[in-house]
Amino acid sequence: MNTCKVLYRNILWVITLSTCIALSGVMGSQVAWAGTDSENSNRLPHVLYVESNDSNPGQNAVLAYTISDTDGSLSLLGKFPTGGTGFSNFDGRLGPDDNDHEVILNADKTLLFAINGGSDTIAVFKVAQDGNLTPVEGSPFPSHGPTPVSLGLSGDILVVVNANSNNIQGVPQGTAPANYTTFRVTPDGRLVHIPKSIDVASTSNPVIIEISRDGTKAFGIDFLALPYTGPQILPFLPPFGSVLEAFTFAHDGSLQRLPGSPFVTPVNARLIPSDPTTGYLLGLGAHPSQPILYAGETVTNRLAVYTYDDDGVPNFVTDVPSSGVAICWFVFSKDARFLYATEPASNSVAIWNIENPLAPRLIQDITLVLAGTNPPPGAFPAEFPSASFQLSLDPTNRWLYVVNHESSVTSYPEGNNIHILKIQPDGTVIELPFSPVLLPVPANVNPTGIAIR
């Protein structure tokens, strides 16, 4: 009898142990999906990084905020100088501020890269476990072109977009080409330039680089590439249309332009449908798991959908209307069910259901809170005094953060802020009562970029 009891207890112990092992595997996979981009993020603090973009000489910095795991609120962790100068859009023109991916992290969240648009350099930092930043040896590194505006990372290859988007250091716009260029990132974070840049017209104002889901292709937008064939149409809009660029990576890490690139805009992106020089694109988002690319038809307020083939050549599928103004930048939910987009000219965020990724369905358009008691009017019709720009989700997929900057130069410093939105189970969002968080930056700067660990 005692032998049976012992045997019974041993069987129960084996069953219990097996169940615990199985459950731990399930729980582990759930934690990895819900909360992390790296295996350590469930025990390291989540940190948000935004660039001050301070255009006072040598004063640019990355601001770091610890994210509360309880309510998504932000606590300033530190201010980390980039060793360079931010970019000044001194007259608030459309175009020079319209960039994305100004601050990015590598895959394992140990390195952070940030642009110095006013001094033509790239800052690289080592990321400590507590989120603090330390410049790598040699940082900042020359960007090998005028006015870096956007960054993309494919393995150890860093792509830099140099836009030549303003008069910098006494060099007038138009005297040097804009370019897409690449660097190899060494294990310790240093940048080694790969001397095979792709030049584009000096006035074409490239604004973004977006890396494909598998890291083998890259897409860009030259925002002001095509001179109108006719007269200027809108007084606040430069008479140049956009093109979509498509690249692949050569064995040495340099970019190669794909056949047919650059590509003209879809008909619905154009102010005059029959004239491809009057079309505008701004913002790109590569689907996390499928060969699909989303783009903002920013002037006509539509979301464009492309597929791309094994070589990376894009094929336009459809576009659907948004309800805000000037749709631009994108981020995907972790399960790729929802696409979030900012609309700067209406200070809003659009949320799209993309469970059918080739047929996005708009489910919400939320106008963000204006800080302060007396915000001034926008600079031109259909523009808010504070504009929603870059955005990112926290690793737990519970909160959406949106970087705003004032759109009336120095008249509304409270417009430089970060909005905090709580994500609901259906993908829609609610702005939290303690949002927005004002950024500690000078009144005459436009903070930019966002990355979250």
Protein backbone atom coordinates (compact mmCIF):
# COMPACT_ATOMS: atom_id res chain seq x y z
CA MET A 1 0.00 0.00 0.00
CA ASN A 2 2.80 2.38 0.87
CA THR A 3 4.44 1.49 -2.44
CA CYS A 4 1.26 2.47 -4.29
CA LYS A 5 1.07 5.77 -2.43
CA VAL A 6 4.68 6.53 -3.27
CA LEU A 7 4.08 5.60 -6.92
CA TYR A 8 0.90 7.71 -7.01
CA ARG A 9 2.72 10.72 -5.52
CA ASN A 10 5.53 10.30 -8.08
CA ILE A 11 3.01 10.20 -10.94
CA LEU A 12 1.30 13.33 -9.62
CA TRP A 13 4.68 15.04 -9.33
CA VAL A 14 5.57 14.16 -12.94
CA ILE A 15 2.15 15.36 -14.19
CA THR A 16 2.45 18.61 -12.19
CA LEU A 17 5.99 19.23 -13.40
CA SER A 18 4.99 18.57 -17.02
CA THR A 19 2.02 20.91 -16.69
CA CYS A 20 4.19 23.66 -15.21
CA ILE A 21 6.72 23.30 -17.99
CA ALA A 22 3.99 23.45 -20.62
CA LEU A 23 2.33 26.45 -18.98
CA SER A 24 5.64 28.25 -18.61
CA GLY A 25 6.21 27.81 -22.33
CA VAL A 26 2.78 29.22 -23.11
CA MET A 27 3.13 32.07 -20.64
CA GLY A 28 6.60 32.85 -21.94
CA SER A 29 5.35 33.09 -25.49
CA GLN A 30 2.50 35.36 -24.36
CA VAL A 31 4.86 37.67 -22.52
CA ALA A 32 7.18 37.82 -25.51
CA TRP A 33 4.30 38.78 -27.81
CA ALA A 34 2.66 41.30 -25.52
CA GLY A 35 5.56 43.07 -24.01
CA THR A 36 8.88 42.99 -25.77
CA ASP A 37 11.06 43.68 -28.74
CA SER A 38 13.99 41.96 -27.03
CA GLU A 39 14.34 39.07 -24.60
CA ASN A 40 15.36 41.42 -21.77
CA SER A 41 12.63 44.03 -22.09
CA ASN A 42 10.34 42.35 -19.54
CA ARG A 43 12.84 43.24 -16.84
CA LEU A 44 14.39 46.43 -18.20
CA PRO A 45 12.55 49.76 -17.93
CA HIS A 46 10.84 50.92 -21.10
CA VAL A 47 12.32 54.22 -22.22
CA LEU A 48 11.14 56.75 -24.82
CA TYR A 49 13.68 58.83 -26.74
CA VAL A 50 12.94 62.07 -28.60
CA GLU A 51 15.32 64.58 -30.16
CA SER A 52 15.20 68.21 -29.06
CA ASN A 53 16.36 69.29 -32.55
CA ASP A 54 17.87 72.37 -30.94
CA SER A 55 19.25 74.53 -33.74
CA ASN A 56 21.45 76.59 -31.44
CA PRO A 57 25.04 75.63 -32.33
CA GLY A 58 26.13 72.42 -30.64
CA GLN A 59 23.02 72.22 -28.43
CA ASN A 60 21.08 69.36 -29.98
CA ALA A 61 20.23 66.52 -27.57
CA VAL A 62 18.25 63.32 -27.11
CA LEU A 63 15.71 63.50 -24.29
CA ALA A 64 15.03 60.19 -22.52
CA TYR A 65 11.82 59.41 -20.60
CA THR A 66 11.09 56.35 -18.48
CA ILE A 67 7.65 54.93 -19.23
CA SER A 68 5.49 53.96 -16.25
CA ASP A 69 4.38 50.34 -16.52
CA THR A 70 1.23 51.28 -14.60
CA ASP A 71 -0.32 54.11 -16.61
CA GLY A 72 2.09 54.97 -19.45
CA SER A 73 3.10 58.30 -17.94
CA LEU A 74 6.55 59.71 -18.65
CA SER A 75 9.34 60.68 -16.25
CA LEU A 76 12.39 62.54 -17.55
CA LEU A 77 15.43 60.27 -17.27
CA GLY A 78 18.02 62.59 -18.77
CA LYS A 79 19.18 64.88 -21.55
CA PHE A 80 22.03 63.54 -23.68
CA PRO A 81 23.91 65.93 -26.01
CA THR A 82 24.37 64.66 -29.56
CA GLY A 83 27.53 66.70 -30.09
CA GLY A 84 25.89 68.55 -32.95
CA THR A 85 23.24 71.03 -34.06
CA GLY A 86 19.57 70.54 -34.87
CA PHE A 87 17.76 71.80 -37.92
CA SER A 88 16.06 75.19 -38.12
CA ASN A 89 13.03 75.60 -40.35
CA PHE A 90 13.35 79.33 -39.86
CA ASP A 91 10.27 80.35 -41.87
CA GLY A 92 8.04 77.35 -41.11
CA ARG A 93 7.97 76.16 -44.72
CA LEU A 94 6.20 73.00 -45.78
CA GLY A 95 8.82 70.36 -46.54
CA PRO A 96 11.91 70.85 -44.36
CA ASP A 97 10.31 69.49 -41.15
CA ASP A 98 8.43 66.71 -42.88
CA ASN A 99 10.74 63.78 -42.07
CA ASP A 100 10.55 60.50 -40.18
CA HIS A 101 12.90 57.99 -38.48
CA GLU A 102 15.16 60.75 -37.14
CA VAL A 103 15.89 58.64 -34.03
CA ILE A 104 16.14 54.83 -34.26
CA LEU A 105 17.38 51.87 -32.20
CA ASN A 106 19.14 48.74 -33.41
CA ALA A 107 17.38 45.38 -33.16
CA ASP A 108 18.63 44.44 -29.70
CA LYS A 109 18.15 48.01 -28.36
CA THR A 110 21.82 48.47 -27.43
CA LEU A 111 22.57 51.33 -29.85
CA LEU A 112 20.65 54.53 -30.61
CA PHE A 113 21.19 56.66 -33.73
CA ALA A 114 20.10 60.30 -34.09
CA ILE A 115 20.46 62.96 -36.78
CA ASN A 116 22.15 66.35 -36.41
CA GLY A 117 20.38 68.11 -39.28
CA GLY A 118 22.11 71.43 -38.72
CA SER A 119 25.67 70.12 -38.58
CA ASP A 120 25.52 67.23 -41.07
CA THR A 121 26.40 64.46 -38.62
CA ILE A 122 24.94 61.30 -37.07
CA ALA A 123 25.15 60.74 -33.33
CA VAL A 124 25.47 57.17 -32.04
CA PHE A 125 24.94 56.19 -28.40
CA LYS A 126 25.32 53.02 -26.38
CA VAL A 127 22.12 52.29 -24.45
CA ALA A 128 22.59 51.20 -20.85
CA GLN A 129 20.19 48.80 -19.11
CA ASP A 130 18.62 51.70 -17.22
CA GLY A 131 18.11 53.61 -20.50
CA ASN A 132 20.92 56.14 -20.08
CA LEU A 133 22.97 56.98 -23.18
CA THR A 134 26.74 57.16 -23.69
CA PRO A 135 28.25 58.40 -26.99
CA VAL A 136 30.27 55.76 -28.83
CA GLU A 137 33.87 56.59 -29.65
CA GLY A 138 34.05 59.03 -32.56
CA SER A 139 30.42 60.20 -32.35
CA PRO A 140 29.05 62.23 -34.02
CA PHE A 141 30.03 60.93 -37.46
CA PRO A 142 29.86 62.86 -40.76
CA SER A 143 26.62 62.09 -42.62
CA HIS A 144 28.36 62.44 -46.02
CA GLY A 145 25.74 64.82 -47.32
CA PRO A 146 23.88 68.02 -46.40
CA THR A 147 21.07 67.96 -43.81
CA PRO A 148 20.51 64.36 -42.68
CA VAL A 149 16.78 63.80 -42.05
CA SER A 150 16.02 60.07 -41.83
CA LEU A 151 17.67 56.80 -40.77
CA GLY A 152 17.06 53.13 -41.51
CA LEU A 153 18.85 50.01 -40.29
CA SER A 154 19.19 46.64 -42.04
CA GLY A 155 21.39 44.37 -39.96
CA ASP A 156 24.67 46.24 -39.60
CA ILE A 157 23.96 48.62 -42.51
CA LEU A 158 22.72 52.11 -41.63
CA VAL A 159 20.97 54.08 -44.37
CA VAL A 160 21.08 57.88 -44.10
CA VAL A 161 18.94 60.27 -46.11
CA ASN A 162 20.70 63.62 -46.66
CA ALA A 163 18.02 66.06 -47.84
CA ASN A 164 19.83 69.35 -48.47
CA SER A 165 16.59 70.90 -47.23
CA ASN A 166 17.74 74.31 -46.05
CA ASN A 167 20.59 76.81 -46.03
CA ILE A 168 23.05 75.20 -43.63
CA GLN A 169 26.41 76.64 -42.60
CA GLY A 170 26.30 79.23 -45.39
CA VAL A 171 25.86 76.65 -48.16
CA PRO A 172 22.81 77.68 -50.24
CA GLN A 173 20.23 75.06 -51.08
CA GLY A 174 20.88 73.65 -54.52
CA THR A 175 24.69 73.71 -54.56
CA ALA A 176 25.13 70.10 -53.40
CA PRO A 177 23.06 67.02 -54.28
CA ALA A 178 20.79 65.35 -51.81
CA ASN A 179 21.53 61.65 -51.40
CA TYR A 180 20.77 58.24 -49.96
CA THR A 181 23.97 56.79 -48.51
CA THR A 182 24.99 53.87 -46.31
CA PHE A 183 27.34 53.04 -43.45
CA ARG A 184 28.52 49.82 -41.88
CA VAL A 185 27.97 49.78 -38.12
CA THR A 186 30.89 48.18 -36.29
CA PRO A 187 30.22 45.99 -33.23
CA ASP A 188 31.14 48.90 -30.96
CA GLY A 189 28.77 51.29 -32.76
CA ARG A 190 31.14 53.28 -34.97
CA LEU A 191 30.02 54.23 -38.48
CA VAL A 192 32.16 53.37 -41.52
CA HIS A 193 30.95 55.06 -44.69
CA ILE A 194 30.32 52.96 -47.80
CA PRO A 195 31.34 55.34 -50.62
CA LYS A 196 28.56 54.63 -53.14
CA SER A 197 25.81 57.15 -52.50
CA ILE A 198 22.74 57.52 -54.70
CA ASP A 199 22.41 61.21 -55.53
CA VAL A 200 19.09 62.89 -56.23
CA ALA A 201 18.34 66.41 -57.36
CA SER A 202 19.58 68.99 -54.90
CA THR A 203 16.11 70.52 -54.50
CA SER A 204 14.15 67.24 -54.41
CA ASN A 205 13.88 67.13 -50.58
CA PRO A 206 13.99 63.37 -49.81
CA VAL A 207 12.25 62.82 -46.49
CA ILE A 208 12.33 59.18 -45.40
CA ILE A 209 13.91 55.76 -45.70
CA GLU A 210 11.76 52.71 -44.87
CA ILE A 211 13.31 49.23 -44.64
CA SER A 212 11.29 46.22 -45.80
CA ARG A 213 10.10 43.48 -43.43
CA ASP A 214 12.98 41.15 -44.42
CA GLY A 215 15.64 43.87 -44.42
CA THR A 216 16.59 43.35 -48.07
CA LYS A 217 14.80 46.32 -49.65
CA ALA A 218 14.42 50.00 -48.87
CA PHE A 219 11.94 52.63 -49.96
CA GLY A 220 12.14 56.40 -49.96
CA ILE A 221 10.18 59.48 -50.97
CA ASP A 222 11.60 62.49 -52.78
CA PHE A 223 8.94 64.92 -51.64
CA LEU A 224 9.66 67.81 -54.04
CA ALA A 225 11.26 66.05 -56.99
CA LEU A 226 9.19 66.91 -60.10
CA PRO A 227 8.75 70.55 -61.22
CA TYR A 228 5.20 71.30 -62.25
CA THR A 229 4.55 71.37 -65.97
CA GLY A 230 2.14 74.26 -65.28
CA PRO A 231 1.87 77.15 -62.78
CA GLN A 232 1.95 76.82 -58.98
CA ILE A 233 -1.45 75.60 -57.75
CA LEU A 234 -1.55 76.31 -54.00
CA PRO A 235 0.26 79.32 -52.50
CA PHE A 236 1.71 77.42 -49.51
CA LEU A 237 2.77 74.36 -51.52
CA PRO A 238 6.00 74.36 -53.55
CA PRO A 239 5.37 73.67 -57.27
CA PHE A 240 7.17 70.32 -57.21
CA GLY A 241 5.61 66.86 -56.96
CA SER A 242 6.75 63.67 -55.21
CA VAL A 243 8.20 60.37 -56.39
CA LEU A 244 8.56 56.97 -54.70
CA GLU A 245 12.06 55.47 -54.63
CA ALA A 246 12.81 51.73 -54.40
CA PHE A 247 16.21 50.22 -53.57
CA THR A 248 17.88 46.94 -52.82
CA PHE A 249 21.18 46.32 -51.01
CA ALA A 250 24.34 45.33 -52.87
CA HIS A 251 26.82 42.85 -51.35
CA ASP A 252 28.99 45.69 -50.07
CA GLY A 253 26.04 47.30 -48.26
CA SER A 254 25.47 50.11 -50.73
CA LEU A 255 22.05 50.86 -52.17
CA GLN A 256 21.06 50.01 -55.72
CA ARG A 257 18.08 51.72 -57.35
CA LEU A 258 15.56 49.21 -58.70
CA PRO A 259 14.40 49.20 -62.35
CA GLY A 260 11.70 51.83 -62.93
CA SER A 261 12.60 53.81 -59.82
CA PRO A 262 11.64 56.49 -59.05
CA PHE A 263 7.91 55.93 -59.52
CA VAL A 264 5.32 58.68 -60.02
CA THR A 265 2.39 59.13 -57.65
CA PRO A 266 -1.03 57.48 -58.03
CA VAL A 267 -3.75 59.50 -59.74
CA ASN A 268 -5.62 60.27 -56.51
CA ALA A 269 -2.46 61.72 -54.95
CA ARG A 270 -2.36 64.50 -57.57
CA LEU A 271 -3.87 67.96 -57.50
CA ILE A 272 -4.41 67.59 -61.24
CA PRO A 273 -5.14 63.89 -61.87
CA SER A 274 -3.71 63.92 -65.39
CA ASP A 275 -0.44 65.59 -64.31
CA PRO A 276 1.96 63.31 -62.34
CA THR A 277 4.12 66.32 -61.40
CA THR A 278 1.33 67.56 -59.09
CA GLY A 279 1.16 64.46 -56.85
CA TYR A 280 2.37 64.28 -53.24
CA LEU A 281 3.47 61.42 -50.99
CA LEU A 282 4.66 61.73 -47.41
CA GLY A 283 5.29 58.87 -45.03
CA LEU A 284 5.92 55.16 -45.59
CA GLY A 285 5.14 52.05 -43.58
CA ALA A 286 6.31 48.55 -44.53
CA HIS A 287 3.92 45.87 -43.26
CA PRO A 288 5.63 43.79 -40.52
CA SER A 289 4.88 40.39 -42.08
CA GLN A 290 3.74 40.84 -45.69
CA PRO A 291 5.26 42.50 -48.79
CA ILE A 292 2.95 45.50 -48.51
CA LEU A 293 3.84 49.18 -48.34
CA TYR A 294 1.60 52.01 -47.14
CA ALA A 295 2.13 55.65 -48.15
CA GLY A 296 0.45 58.93 -47.26
CA GLU A 297 -1.11 60.89 -50.12
CA THR A 298 -0.63 63.88 -47.90
CA VAL A 299 -2.18 66.72 -49.90
CA THR A 300 -5.27 64.79 -51.03
CA ASN A 301 -5.64 63.07 -47.62
CA ARG A 302 -5.64 59.43 -48.69
CA LEU A 303 -3.84 56.26 -47.63
CA ALA A 304 -2.14 54.46 -50.52
CA VAL A 305 -1.50 50.70 -50.56
CA TYR A 306 1.27 49.04 -52.58
CA THR A 307 2.54 45.51 -52.85
CA TYR A 308 6.12 44.81 -53.85
CA ASP A 309 7.63 41.79 -55.58
CA ASP A 310 10.62 39.66 -54.59
CA ASP A 311 12.95 42.24 -56.15
CA GLY A 312 11.28 45.08 -54.25
CA VAL A 313 9.53 46.74 -57.20
CA PRO A 314 6.31 48.37 -55.88
CA ASN A 315 2.91 47.94 -57.48
CA PHE A 316 0.08 50.34 -56.61
CA VAL A 317 -3.08 48.53 -55.43
CA THR A 318 -5.54 51.10 -54.10
CA ASP A 319 -6.00 54.18 -51.95
CA VAL A 320 -8.70 55.10 -49.46
CA PRO A 321 -9.74 58.49 -48.03
CA SER A 322 -8.81 59.68 -44.56
CA SER A 323 -10.87 62.19 -42.57
CA GLY A 324 -7.99 64.29 -41.22
CA VAL A 325 -5.63 66.63 -43.05
CA ALA A 326 -2.13 65.80 -44.36
CA ILE A 327 -1.74 62.10 -43.48
CA CYS A 328 1.98 61.39 -43.01
CA TRP A 329 3.73 59.02 -40.62
CA PHE A 330 2.88 55.44 -39.63
CA VAL A 331 3.32 52.79 -36.97
CA PHE A 332 1.83 49.27 -36.74
CA SER A 333 0.34 47.49 -33.73
CA LYS A 334 2.41 44.52 -32.60
CA ASP A 335 -0.06 42.03 -34.06
CA ALA A 336 -0.27 44.05 -37.33
CA ARG A 337 -4.06 44.40 -37.00
CA PHE A 338 -3.98 48.20 -36.82
CA LEU A 339 -2.13 51.03 -38.53
CA TYR A 340 -1.76 54.39 -36.78
CA ALA A 341 -1.04 57.54 -38.77
CA THR A 342 -0.50 61.18 -37.85
CA GLU A 343 -2.23 64.04 -39.66
CA PRO A 344 -0.22 67.20 -38.81
CA ALA A 345 -2.46 69.81 -40.43
CA SER A 346 -5.43 68.71 -38.31
CA ASN A 347 -3.36 67.76 -35.22
CA SER A 348 -4.92 64.32 -35.30
CA VAL A 349 -4.23 60.60 -35.43
CA ALA A 350 -6.02 58.21 -37.79
CA ILE A 351 -6.47 54.55 -36.85
CA TRP A 352 -6.94 51.96 -39.57
CA ASN A 353 -8.03 48.35 -39.26
CA ILE A 354 -5.71 46.39 -41.57
CA GLU A 355 -6.80 42.83 -40.79
CA ASN A 356 -7.40 42.79 -44.53
CA PRO A 357 -4.10 44.57 -45.27
CA LEU A 358 -4.96 45.42 -48.88
CA ALA A 359 -8.23 47.08 -47.84
CA PRO A 360 -7.57 49.41 -44.87
CA ARG A 361 -10.67 50.50 -42.98
CA LEU A 362 -10.67 53.79 -41.06
CA ILE A 363 -12.07 53.19 -37.56
CA GLN A 364 -11.15 56.39 -35.73
CA ASP A 365 -9.77 59.87 -36.27
CA ILE A 366 -8.94 61.61 -33.01
CA THR A 367 -7.92 65.26 -32.62
CA LEU A 368 -5.18 65.71 -30.02
CA VAL A 369 -5.43 68.04 -27.04
CA LEU A 370 -3.96 71.53 -27.37
CA ALA A 371 -1.88 72.48 -24.33
CA GLY A 372 -2.18 75.88 -22.64
CA THR A 373 -5.10 78.28 -22.40
CA ASN A 374 -4.62 80.51 -25.43
CA PRO A 375 -3.09 78.67 -28.40
CA PRO A 376 -2.68 80.88 -31.48
CA PRO A 377 -4.27 80.10 -34.86
CA GLY A 378 -2.44 77.99 -37.40
CA ALA A 379 -0.17 79.51 -40.02
CA PHE A 380 -2.54 78.80 -42.94
CA PRO A 381 -6.04 77.36 -43.39
CA ALA A 382 -6.52 73.80 -42.12
CA GLU A 383 -3.45 73.90 -39.89
CA PHE A 384 -3.33 73.63 -36.11
CA PRO A 385 -0.83 75.61 -34.01
CA SER A 386 0.65 72.29 -32.83
CA ALA A 387 1.19 69.55 -35.38
CA SER A 388 1.22 65.79 -34.76
CA PHE A 389 4.33 64.30 -36.32
CA GLN A 390 6.25 61.13 -35.40
CA LEU A 391 4.62 58.37 -33.36
CA SER A 392 5.47 55.05 -31.72
CA LEU A 393 3.94 52.30 -29.58
CA ASP A 394 5.38 51.13 -26.29
CA PRO A 395 6.60 47.50 -26.31
CA THR A 396 3.52 46.28 -24.41
CA ASN A 397 1.19 47.67 -27.10
CA ARG A 398 -0.82 49.53 -24.43
CA TRP A 399 0.12 53.15 -25.19
CA LEU A 400 0.68 55.23 -28.28
CA TYR A 401 3.05 58.23 -28.09
CA VAL A 402 2.92 61.12 -30.54
CA VAL A 403 5.58 63.83 -30.88
CA ASN A 404 4.10 67.26 -31.63
CA HIS A 405 5.85 70.47 -32.47
CA GLU A 406 4.56 73.98 -32.84
CA SER A 407 3.78 74.92 -36.40
CA SER A 408 3.89 78.70 -35.93
CA VAL A 409 7.64 79.02 -35.25
CA THR A 410 7.99 80.68 -31.79
CA SER A 411 4.43 81.74 -30.97
CA TYR A 412 3.36 78.60 -29.14
CA PRO A 413 6.11 76.81 -27.18
CA GLU A 414 3.48 74.66 -25.42
CA GLY A 415 2.97 73.02 -28.81
CA ASN A 416 6.27 71.17 -28.38
CA ASN A 417 5.06 68.11 -26.53
CA ILE A 418 4.40 64.37 -26.39
CA HIS A 419 0.84 63.01 -26.38
CA ILE A 420 0.02 59.81 -24.53
CA LEU A 421 -2.89 57.74 -25.80
CA LYS A 422 -4.25 54.54 -24.27
CA ILE A 423 -4.99 51.76 -26.77
CA GLN A 424 -8.34 50.01 -26.42
CA PRO A 425 -8.94 46.31 -27.26
CA ASP A 426 -10.55 47.31 -30.56
CA GLY A 427 -7.47 49.33 -31.58
CA THR A 428 -8.99 52.76 -30.97
CA VAL A 429 -7.33 55.20 -28.57
CA ILE A 430 -8.17 57.59 -25.74
CA GLU A 431 -5.92 60.53 -24.83
CA LEU A 432 -5.04 60.32 -21.14
CA PRO A 433 -5.79 63.15 -18.66
CA PHE A 434 -2.10 63.91 -18.02
CA SER A 435 -1.39 64.27 -21.75
CA PRO A 436 0.35 66.07 -23.37
CA VAL A 437 3.74 66.27 -21.66
CA LEU A 438 5.53 69.52 -22.49
CA LEU A 439 9.08 69.06 -23.73
CA PRO A 440 11.89 71.06 -22.04
CA VAL A 441 13.17 72.66 -25.23
CA PRO A 442 13.75 76.28 -26.27
CA ALA A 443 10.74 78.08 -27.75
CA ASN A 444 12.29 78.40 -31.20
CA VAL A 445 12.92 74.69 -31.91
CA ASN A 446 10.83 71.87 -33.35
CA PRO A 447 11.50 68.56 -31.52
CA THR A 448 11.49 65.52 -33.77
CA GLY A 449 11.79 61.76 -33.91
CA ILE A 450 10.81 59.03 -31.50
CA ALA A 451 12.17 55.62 -30.53
CA ILE A 452 11.08 53.39 -27.65
CA ARG A 453 12.95 50.58 -25.96
